[in-house]
PDB file of N, CA and C in Angstrom:
ATOM      1  N   MET A   1     -64.913  34.037  15.683  1.00  0.00           N
ATOM      2  CA  MET A   1     -63.364  33.700  15.880  1.00  0.00           C
ATOM      3  C   MET A   1     -62.789  32.847  15.128  1.00  0.00           C
ATOM      4  N   GLY A   2     -61.671  33.142  14.535  1.00  0.00           N
ATOM      5  CA  GLY A   2     -61.045  32.788  13.589  1.00  0.00           C
ATOM      6  C   GLY A   2     -59.550  32.552  14.031  1.00  0.00           C
ATOM      7  N   SER A   3     -58.962  31.113  13.335  1.00  0.00           N
ATOM      8  CA  SER A   3     -57.696  30.943  13.675  1.00  0.00           C
ATOM      9  C   SER A   3     -56.907  30.425  12.558  1.00  0.00           C
ATOM     10  N   ALA A   4     -55.559  30.852  12.544  1.00  0.00           N
ATOM     11  CA  ALA A   4     -54.663  30.407  11.622  1.00  0.00           C
ATOM     12  C   ALA A   4     -53.452  29.913  12.177  1.00  0.00           C
ATOM     13  N   GLU A   5     -52.687  29.109  11.165  1.00  0.00           N
ATOM     14  CA  GLU A   5     -51.127  28.930  11.681  1.00  0.00           C
ATOM     15  C   GLU A   5     -50.237  29.171  10.375  1.00  0.00           C
ATOM     16  N   LEU A   6     -49.129  29.492  10.546  1.00  0.00           N
ATOM     17  CA  LEU A   6     -48.059  29.869   9.916  1.00  0.00           C
ATOM     18  C   LEU A   6     -46.697  29.204  10.250  1.00  0.00           C
ATOM     19  N   LYS A   7     -46.435  28.503   9.126  1.00  0.00           N
ATOM     20  CA  LYS A   7     -45.177  27.893   9.202  1.00  0.00           C
ATOM     21  C   LYS A   7     -43.986  28.581   8.455  1.00  0.00           C
ATOM     22  N   VAL A   8     -43.272  29.330   9.087  1.00  0.00           N
ATOM     23  CA  VAL A   8     -42.038  30.164   8.813  1.00  0.00           C
ATOM     24  C   VAL A   8     -40.998  29.689   7.916  1.00  0.00           C
ATOM     25  N   PRO A   9     -40.756  30.083   6.789  1.00  0.00           N
ATOM     26  CA  PRO A   9     -39.654  29.264   6.353  1.00  0.00           C
ATOM     27  C   PRO A   9     -38.516  29.317   6.897  1.00  0.00           C
ATOM     28  N   ASP A  10     -37.965  27.834   6.926  1.00  0.00           N
ATOM     29  CA  ASP A  10     -36.732  27.881   7.683  1.00  0.00           C
ATOM     30  C   ASP A  10     -37.030  28.344   9.258  1.00  0.00           C
ATOM     31  N   GLY A  11     -38.214  28.210   9.599  1.00  0.00           N
ATOM     32  CA  GLY A  11     -38.415  28.786  11.027  1.00  0.00           C
ATOM     33  C   GLY A  11     -39.210  27.943  11.651  1.00  0.00           C
ATOM     34  N   LYS A  12     -39.955  28.597  12.655  1.00  0.00           N
ATOM     35  CA  LYS A  12     -41.331  27.965  13.317  1.00  0.00           C
ATOM     36  C   LYS A  12     -42.467  28.073  13.131  1.00  0.00           C
ATOM     37  N   LEU A  13     -43.492  27.450  13.924  1.00  0.00           N
ATOM     38  CA  LEU A  13     -44.784  27.597  13.796  1.00  0.00           C
ATOM     39  C   LEU A  13     -45.365  28.371  14.689  1.00  0.00           C
ATOM     40  N   VAL A  14     -46.259  29.484  13.696  1.00  0.00           N
ATOM     41  CA  VAL A  14     -47.078  30.446  14.746  1.00  0.00           C
ATOM     42  C   VAL A  14     -48.679  30.426  14.790  1.00  0.00           C
ATOM     43  N   GLU A  15     -49.302  30.379  15.622  1.00  0.00           N
ATOM     44  CA  GLU A  15     -50.501  30.052  15.375  1.00  0.00           C
ATOM     45  C   GLU A  15     -51.248  31.187  15.986  1.00  0.00           C
ATOM     46  N   ALA A  16     -52.172  31.868  15.721  1.00  0.00           N
ATOM     47  CA  ALA A  16     -53.270  32.745  16.107  1.00  0.00           C
ATOM     48  C   ALA A  16     -54.511  32.326  16.199  1.00  0.00           C
ATOM     49  N   THR A  17     -55.416  32.735  17.277  1.00  0.00           N
ATOM     50  CA  THR A  17     -56.705  32.793  17.412  1.00  0.00           C
ATOM     51  C   THR A  17     -57.316  34.279  17.612  1.00  0.00           C
ATOM     52  N   VAL A  18     -58.150  34.631  16.776  1.00  0.00           N
ATOM     53  CA  VAL A  18     -58.387  35.929  17.014  1.00  0.00           C
ATOM     54  C   VAL A  18     -59.903  36.143  16.983  1.00  0.00           C
ATOM     55  N   LYS A  19     -60.529  36.788  17.808  1.00  0.00           N
ATOM     56  CA  LYS A  19     -61.862  37.400  17.872  1.00  0.00           C
ATOM     57  C   LYS A  19     -62.150  39.029  17.356  1.00  0.00           C
ATOM     58  N   ILE A  20     -62.815  39.122  16.261  1.00  0.00           N
ATOM     59  CA  ILE A  20     -62.914  40.704  15.822  1.00  0.00           C
ATOM     60  C   ILE A  20     -64.484  41.281  16.316  1.00  0.00           C
ATOM     61  N   SER A  21     -64.566  42.207  16.688  1.00  0.00           N
ATOM     62  CA  SER A  21     -65.820  43.131  17.187  1.00  0.00           C
ATOM     63  C   SER A  21     -65.738  44.295  16.786  1.00  0.00           C
ATOM     64  N   GLN A  22     -66.547  44.896  15.732  1.00  0.00           N
ATOM     65  CA  GLN A  22     -66.593  46.063  15.096  1.00  0.00           C
ATOM     66  C   GLN A  22     -65.195  46.618  14.778  1.00  0.00           C
ATOM     67  N   GLY A  23     -64.823  45.626  14.059  1.00  0.00           N
ATOM     68  CA  GLY A  23     -63.193  45.822  13.248  1.00  0.00           C
ATOM     69  C   GLY A  23     -62.083  46.048  14.404  1.00  0.00           C
ATOM     70  N   LYS A  24     -62.066  45.663  15.594  1.00  0.00           N
ATOM     71  CA  LYS A  24     -61.204  45.957  16.218  1.00  0.00           C
ATOM     72  C   LYS A  24     -61.181  44.338  17.179  1.00  0.00           C
ATOM     73  N   ILE A  25     -59.698  44.208  17.351  1.00  0.00           N
ATOM     74  CA  ILE A  25     -59.474  42.909  17.907  1.00  0.00           C
ATOM     75  C   ILE A  25     -60.006  42.821  19.469  1.00  0.00           C
ATOM     76  N   SER A  26     -60.796  42.122  19.827  1.00  0.00           N
ATOM     77  CA  SER A  26     -61.324  41.887  21.280  1.00  0.00           C
ATOM     78  C   SER A  26     -60.893  40.616  22.021  1.00  0.00           C
ATOM     79  N   GLU A  27     -60.409  39.628  21.127  1.00  0.00           N
ATOM     80  CA  GLU A  27     -59.946  38.426  21.946  1.00  0.00           C
ATOM     81  C   GLU A  27     -58.780  38.205  21.000  1.00  0.00           C
ATOM     82  N   ILE A  28     -57.436  37.700  21.790  1.00  0.00           N
ATOM     83  CA  ILE A  28     -56.203  36.953  20.907  1.00  0.00           C
ATOM     84  C   ILE A  28     -55.443  36.348  21.918  1.00  0.00           C
ATOM     85  N   HIS A  29     -55.096  34.864  20.973  1.00  0.00           N
ATOM     86  CA  HIS A  29     -54.478  34.260  21.660  1.00  0.00           C
ATOM     87  C   HIS A  29     -53.137  33.323  20.627  1.00  0.00           C
ATOM     88  N   ILE A  30     -52.174  33.779  21.109  1.00  0.00           N
ATOM     89  CA  ILE A  30     -50.696  33.583  20.176  1.00  0.00           C
ATOM     90  C   ILE A  30     -49.934  32.290  20.760  1.00  0.00           C
ATOM     91  N   THR A  31     -49.903  31.552  19.948  1.00  0.00           N
ATOM     92  CA  THR A  31     -48.906  30.026  20.365  1.00  0.00           C
ATOM     93  C   THR A  31     -48.141  29.713  19.290  1.00  0.00           C
ATOM     94  N   GLY A  32     -47.042  28.480  19.400  1.00  0.00           N
ATOM     95  CA  GLY A  32     -46.366  28.319  18.363  1.00  0.00           C
ATOM     96  C   GLY A  32     -44.904  27.417  19.287  1.00  0.00           C
ATOM     97  N   ASP A  33     -44.305  27.178  18.497  1.00  0.00           N
ATOM     98  CA  ASP A  33     -43.046  26.784  18.720  1.00  0.00           C
ATOM     99  C   ASP A  33     -41.800  27.471  18.455  1.00  0.00           C
ATOM    100  N   PHE A  34     -42.128  28.800  18.581  1.00  0.00           N
ATOM    101  CA  PHE A  34     -41.420  29.690  18.367  1.00  0.00           C
ATOM    102  C   PHE A  34     -40.436  30.141  19.862  1.00  0.00           C
ATOM    103  N   TYR A  35     -39.541  30.687  19.914  1.00  0.00           N
ATOM    104  CA  TYR A  35     -38.535  31.106  21.092  1.00  0.00           C
ATOM    105  C   TYR A  35     -38.674  32.502  21.247  1.00  0.00           C
ATOM    106  N   MET A  36     -39.373  32.779  22.150  1.00  0.00           N
ATOM    107  CA  MET A  36     -39.578  34.497  22.413  1.00  0.00           C
ATOM    108  C   MET A  36     -38.899  34.640  24.126  1.00  0.00           C
ATOM    109  N   HIS A  37     -37.839  35.770  24.106  1.00  0.00           N
ATOM    110  CA  HIS A  37     -37.377  36.058  25.565  1.00  0.00           C
ATOM    111  C   HIS A  37     -37.382  37.243  25.883  1.00  0.00           C
ATOM    112  N   PRO A  38     -37.954  37.938  27.258  1.00  0.00           N
ATOM    113  CA  PRO A  38     -38.368  37.112  28.096  1.00  0.00           C
ATOM    114  C   PRO A  38     -40.082  36.741  27.642  1.00  0.00           C
ATOM    115  N   GLU A  39     -40.320  35.181  27.987  1.00  0.00           N
ATOM    116  CA  GLU A  39     -41.372  34.335  27.668  1.00  0.00           C
ATOM    117  C   GLU A  39     -42.673  35.356  27.945  1.00  0.00           C
ATOM    118  N   GLU A  40     -42.867  36.027  29.031  1.00  0.00           N
ATOM    119  CA  GLU A  40     -44.038  36.583  29.455  1.00  0.00           C
ATOM    120  C   GLU A  40     -44.513  38.048  28.218  1.00  0.00           C
ATOM    121  N   GLN A  41     -43.468  38.006  27.434  1.00  0.00           N
ATOM    122  CA  GLN A  41     -43.715  39.279  26.261  1.00  0.00           C
ATOM    123  C   GLN A  41     -45.105  38.948  25.522  1.00  0.00           C
ATOM    124  N   ILE A  42     -45.033  37.469  25.462  1.00  0.00           N
ATOM    125  CA  ILE A  42     -46.067  37.116  24.564  1.00  0.00           C
ATOM    126  C   ILE A  42     -47.614  37.529  25.109  1.00  0.00           C
ATOM    127  N   GLU A  43     -47.581  37.216  26.088  1.00  0.00           N
ATOM    128  CA  GLU A  43     -48.862  37.862  26.630  1.00  0.00           C
ATOM    129  C   GLU A  43     -49.233  39.210  26.815  1.00  0.00           C
ATOM    130  N   LYS A  44     -48.319  39.982  27.138  1.00  0.00           N
ATOM    131  CA  LYS A  44     -48.172  41.519  26.911  1.00  0.00           C
ATOM    132  C   LYS A  44     -48.425  41.869  25.538  1.00  0.00           C
ATOM    133  N   LEU A  45     -47.836  40.895  24.600  1.00  0.00           N
ATOM    134  CA  LEU A  45     -48.201  41.743  23.198  1.00  0.00           C
ATOM    135  C   LEU A  45     -49.778  41.247  22.681  1.00  0.00           C
ATOM    136  N   GLU A  46     -50.410  40.070  23.378  1.00  0.00           N
ATOM    137  CA  GLU A  46     -51.753  39.915  22.965  1.00  0.00           C
ATOM    138  C   GLU A  46     -52.405  41.222  23.685  1.00  0.00           C
ATOM    139  N   ARG A  47     -52.218  41.542  24.939  1.00  0.00           N
ATOM    140  CA  ARG A  47     -52.952  42.570  25.663  1.00  0.00           C
ATOM    141  C   ARG A  47     -52.795  43.863  24.811  1.00  0.00           C
ATOM    142  N   ALA A  48     -51.499  43.883  24.449  1.00  0.00           N
ATOM    143  CA  ALA A  48     -51.333  45.288  23.860  1.00  0.00           C
ATOM    144  C   ALA A  48     -52.297  45.331  22.447  1.00  0.00           C
ATOM    145  N   LEU A  49     -52.702  44.210  21.777  1.00  0.00           N
ATOM    146  CA  LEU A  49     -53.265  43.988  20.416  1.00  0.00           C
ATOM    147  C   LEU A  49     -54.783  44.029  20.739  1.00  0.00           C
ATOM    148  N   VAL A  50     -55.363  44.012  21.767  1.00  0.00           N
ATOM    149  CA  VAL A  50     -56.745  44.008  22.326  1.00  0.00           C
ATOM    150  C   VAL A  50     -57.035  45.376  22.180  1.00  0.00           C
ATOM    151  N   GLY A  51     -58.207  45.920  21.229  1.00  0.00           N
ATOM    152  CA  GLY A  51     -58.492  47.154  21.050  1.00  0.00           C
ATOM    153  C   GLY A  51     -57.912  47.498  19.676  1.00  0.00           C
ATOM    154  N   VAL A  52     -56.923  46.844  19.030  1.00  0.00           N
ATOM    155  CA  VAL A  52     -56.293  47.473  18.093  1.00  0.00           C
ATOM    156  C   VAL A  52     -57.158  47.461  16.537  1.00  0.00           C
ATOM    157  N   PRO A  53     -57.482  48.266  15.802  1.00  0.00           N
ATOM    158  CA  PRO A  53     -58.206  47.862  14.469  1.00  0.00           C
ATOM    159  C   PRO A  53     -57.387  47.204  13.774  1.00  0.00           C
ATOM    160  N   ILE A  54     -58.117  46.199  13.269  1.00  0.00           N
ATOM    161  CA  ILE A  54     -57.338  44.935  12.509  1.00  0.00           C
ATOM    162  C   ILE A  54     -56.441  45.387  11.361  1.00  0.00           C
ATOM    163  N   GLU A  55     -56.782  46.835  10.974  1.00  0.00           N
ATOM    164  CA  GLU A  55     -55.756  47.398   9.674  1.00  0.00           C
ATOM    165  C   GLU A  55     -54.818  47.874  10.099  1.00  0.00           C
ATOM    166  N   LYS A  56     -54.316  48.414  11.420  1.00  0.00           N
ATOM    167  CA  LYS A  56     -53.556  48.638  12.391  1.00  0.00           C
ATOM    168  C   LYS A  56     -52.710  47.623  12.958  1.00  0.00           C
ATOM    169  N   VAL A  57     -52.833  46.581  12.804  1.00  0.00           N
ATOM    170  CA  VAL A  57     -51.964  45.110  13.354  1.00  0.00           C
ATOM    171  C   VAL A  57     -50.641  45.309  12.859  1.00  0.00           C
ATOM    172  N   ASN A  58     -50.138  45.617  11.786  1.00  0.00           N
ATOM    173  CA  ASN A  58     -48.874  45.912  11.620  1.00  0.00           C
ATOM    174  C   ASN A  58     -48.203  46.880  12.228  1.00  0.00           C
ATOM    175  N   GLU A  59     -48.717  48.079  12.282  1.00  0.00           N
ATOM    176  CA  GLU A  59     -48.347  49.290  12.963  1.00  0.00           C
ATOM    177  C   GLU A  59     -48.014  48.791  14.333  1.00  0.00           C
ATOM    178  N   ALA A  60     -49.204  48.203  15.243  1.00  0.00           N
ATOM    179  CA  ALA A  60     -49.043  48.145  16.501  1.00  0.00           C
ATOM    180  C   ALA A  60     -48.302  47.115  16.885  1.00  0.00           C
ATOM    181  N   ILE A  61     -47.772  45.867  16.084  1.00  0.00           N
ATOM    182  CA  ILE A  61     -46.777  45.102  16.303  1.00  0.00           C
ATOM    183  C   ILE A  61     -45.425  45.525  16.396  1.00  0.00           C
ATOM    184  N   THR A  62     -45.334  46.345  14.989  1.00  0.00           N
ATOM    185  CA  THR A  62     -43.877  46.940  14.732  1.00  0.00           C
ATOM    186  C   THR A  62     -43.517  48.037  16.203  1.00  0.00           C
ATOM    187  N   LYS A  63     -44.494  48.712  16.503  1.00  0.00           N
ATOM    188  CA  LYS A  63     -44.328  49.596  17.667  1.00  0.00           C
ATOM    189  C   LYS A  63     -43.895  48.901  18.722  1.00  0.00           C
ATOM    190  N   PHE A  64     -44.708  47.752  19.106  1.00  0.00           N
ATOM    191  CA  PHE A  64     -44.494  46.828  20.093  1.00  0.00           C
ATOM    192  C   PHE A  64     -43.226  46.427  20.583  1.00  0.00           C
ATOM    193  N   PHE A  65     -42.525  45.897  19.166  1.00  0.00           N
ATOM    194  CA  PHE A  65     -41.317  45.345  19.275  1.00  0.00           C
ATOM    195  C   PHE A  65     -40.356  45.933  19.200  1.00  0.00           C
ATOM    196  N   LYS A  66     -40.152  47.512  18.923  1.00  0.00           N
ATOM    197  CA  LYS A  66     -39.474  48.524  18.731  1.00  0.00           C
ATOM    198  C   LYS A  66     -39.103  48.934  20.392  1.00  0.00           C
ATOM    199  N   LYS A  67     -40.263  49.139  21.177  1.00  0.00           N
ATOM    200  CA  LYS A  67     -40.102  49.621  22.529  1.00  0.00           C
ATOM    201  C   LYS A  67     -39.616  48.734  23.119  1.00  0.00           C
ATOM    202  N   LYS A  68     -39.802  47.139  23.174  1.00  0.00           N
ATOM    203  CA  LYS A  68     -39.312  46.127  24.073  1.00  0.00           C
ATOM    204  C   LYS A  68     -37.832  45.762  23.724  1.00  0.00           C
ATOM    205  N   ARG A  69     -37.180  45.219  24.878  1.00  0.00           N
ATOM    206  CA  ARG A  69     -36.127  44.524  24.408  1.00  0.00           C
ATOM    207  C   ARG A  69     -36.558  42.941  24.446  1.00  0.00           C
ATOM    208  N   ILE A  70     -36.632  42.360  23.151  1.00  0.00           N
ATOM    209  CA  ILE A  70     -37.233  40.963  23.318  1.00  0.00           C
ATOM    210  C   ILE A  70     -36.255  40.193  22.225  1.00  0.00           C
ATOM    211  N   THR A  71     -35.906  39.122  22.697  1.00  0.00           N
ATOM    212  CA  THR A  71     -35.343  38.219  21.541  1.00  0.00           C
ATOM    213  C   THR A  71     -36.021  37.152  20.743  1.00  0.00           C
ATOM    214  N   LEU A  72     -36.425  36.968  19.630  1.00  0.00           N
ATOM    215  CA  LEU A  72     -36.910  36.266  18.995  1.00  0.00           C
ATOM    216  C   LEU A  72     -36.435  35.243  18.001  1.00  0.00           C
ATOM    217  N   VAL A  73     -36.600  33.691  18.095  1.00  0.00           N
ATOM    218  CA  VAL A  73     -35.923  32.767  17.547  1.00  0.00           C
ATOM    219  C   VAL A  73     -36.801  32.104  16.522  1.00  0.00           C
ATOM    220  N   GLY A  74     -36.531  31.984  15.185  1.00  0.00           N
ATOM    221  CA  GLY A  74     -37.027  31.188  14.473  1.00  0.00           C
ATOM    222  C   GLY A  74     -38.522  32.237  13.728  1.00  0.00           C
ATOM    223  N   VAL A  75     -38.411  33.235  14.368  1.00  0.00           N
ATOM    224  CA  VAL A  75     -39.890  33.869  13.898  1.00  0.00           C
ATOM    225  C   VAL A  75     -39.535  35.595  13.885  1.00  0.00           C
ATOM    226  N   ARG A  76     -40.279  36.241  13.103  1.00  0.00           N
ATOM    227  CA  ARG A  76     -40.064  37.576  13.162  1.00  0.00           C
ATOM    228  C   ARG A  76     -41.401  38.438  13.602  1.00  0.00           C
ATOM    229  N   PRO A  77     -41.154  39.751  14.032  1.00  0.00           N
ATOM    230  CA  PRO A  77     -42.321  40.551  14.203  1.00  0.00           C
ATOM    231  C   PRO A  77     -43.471  40.603  13.434  1.00  0.00           C
ATOM    232  N   GLU A  78     -42.964  40.420  12.021  1.00  0.00           N
ATOM    233  CA  GLU A  78     -44.066  40.587  10.941  1.00  0.00           C
ATOM    234  C   GLU A  78     -44.677  39.031  10.829  1.00  0.00           C
ATOM    235  N   ASP A  79     -44.205  38.175  11.150  1.00  0.00           N
ATOM    236  CA  ASP A  79     -44.682  36.904  10.805  1.00  0.00           C
ATOM    237  C   ASP A  79     -46.293  36.785  12.033  1.00  0.00           C
ATOM    238  N   PHE A  80     -45.952  37.325  13.118  1.00  0.00           N
ATOM    239  CA  PHE A  80     -47.331  37.570  13.900  1.00  0.00           C
ATOM    240  C   PHE A  80     -48.152  38.080  13.418  1.00  0.00           C
ATOM    241  N   ALA A  81     -47.921  39.334  12.455  1.00  0.00           N
ATOM    242  CA  ALA A  81     -48.748  40.171  12.038  1.00  0.00           C
ATOM    243  C   ALA A  81     -49.553  39.428  10.783  1.00  0.00           C
ATOM    244  N   LYS A  82     -48.675  38.527  10.028  1.00  0.00           N
ATOM    245  CA  LYS A  82     -49.309  37.960   8.966  1.00  0.00           C
ATOM    246  C   LYS A  82     -50.122  36.826   9.559  1.00  0.00           C
ATOM    247  N   VAL A  83     -50.176  36.124  10.355  1.00  0.00           N
ATOM    248  CA  VAL A  83     -50.848  35.067  10.851  1.00  0.00           C
ATOM    249  C   VAL A  83     -52.193  35.432  11.689  1.00  0.00           C
ATOM    250  N   ILE A  84     -52.026  36.621  12.316  1.00  0.00           N
ATOM    251  CA  ILE A  84     -53.236  37.531  12.942  1.00  0.00           C
ATOM    252  C   ILE A  84     -54.187  37.873  11.786  1.00  0.00           C
ATOM    253  N   LEU A  85     -53.524  38.426  10.705  1.00  0.00           N
ATOM    254  CA  LEU A  85     -54.384  38.920   9.917  1.00  0.00           C
ATOM    255  C   LEU A  85     -55.081  37.898   9.117  1.00  0.00           C
ATOM    256  N   MET A  86     -54.634  36.733   8.890  1.00  0.00           N
ATOM    257  CA  MET A  86     -54.917  35.418   8.505  1.00  0.00           C
ATOM    258  C   MET A  86     -56.115  34.999   9.086  1.00  0.00           C
ATOM    259  N   ALA A  87     -55.870  34.927  10.403  1.00  0.00           N
ATOM    260  CA  ALA A  87     -56.939  34.361  11.317  1.00  0.00           C
ATOM    261  C   ALA A  87     -58.235  35.239  11.080  1.00  0.00           C
ATOM    262  N   SER A  88     -57.855  36.918  11.184  1.00  0.00           N
ATOM    263  CA  SER A  88     -59.070  37.686  11.323  1.00  0.00           C
ATOM    264  C   SER A  88     -60.022  37.487  10.221  1.00  0.00           C
ATOM    265  N   ARG A  89     -59.513  36.743   8.846  1.00  0.00           N
ATOM    266  CA  ARG A  89     -60.308  36.425   7.875  1.00  0.00           C
ATOM    267  C   ARG A  89     -61.113  35.470   7.645  1.00  0.00           C
ATOM    268  N   LYS A  90     -60.820  34.485   8.843  1.00  0.00           N
ATOM    269  CA  LYS A  90     -61.626  32.929   8.815  1.00  0.00           C
ATOM    270  C   LYS A  90     -62.970  33.360   9.778  1.00  0.00           C
TER     271      LYS A  90
END
């Protein structure tokens, strides 16, 4: 299980803990001091990423945020992908 944190320039902190099994995300937890509304979407994002091949994380996150009406403050969808990929390499 790897973890990483990313301080977004002029933004907030995003942290991810990721477990990879057979090239796919098997467990993930995302935290930080960013703002997401509705708040329960972070758990839905985590659930949506379980089973995703690590090389498809960018696509899965882009698809998730395009389908949902989510307000983000201090962070962008691509920041989630970046910190998840960083954590997957540890």
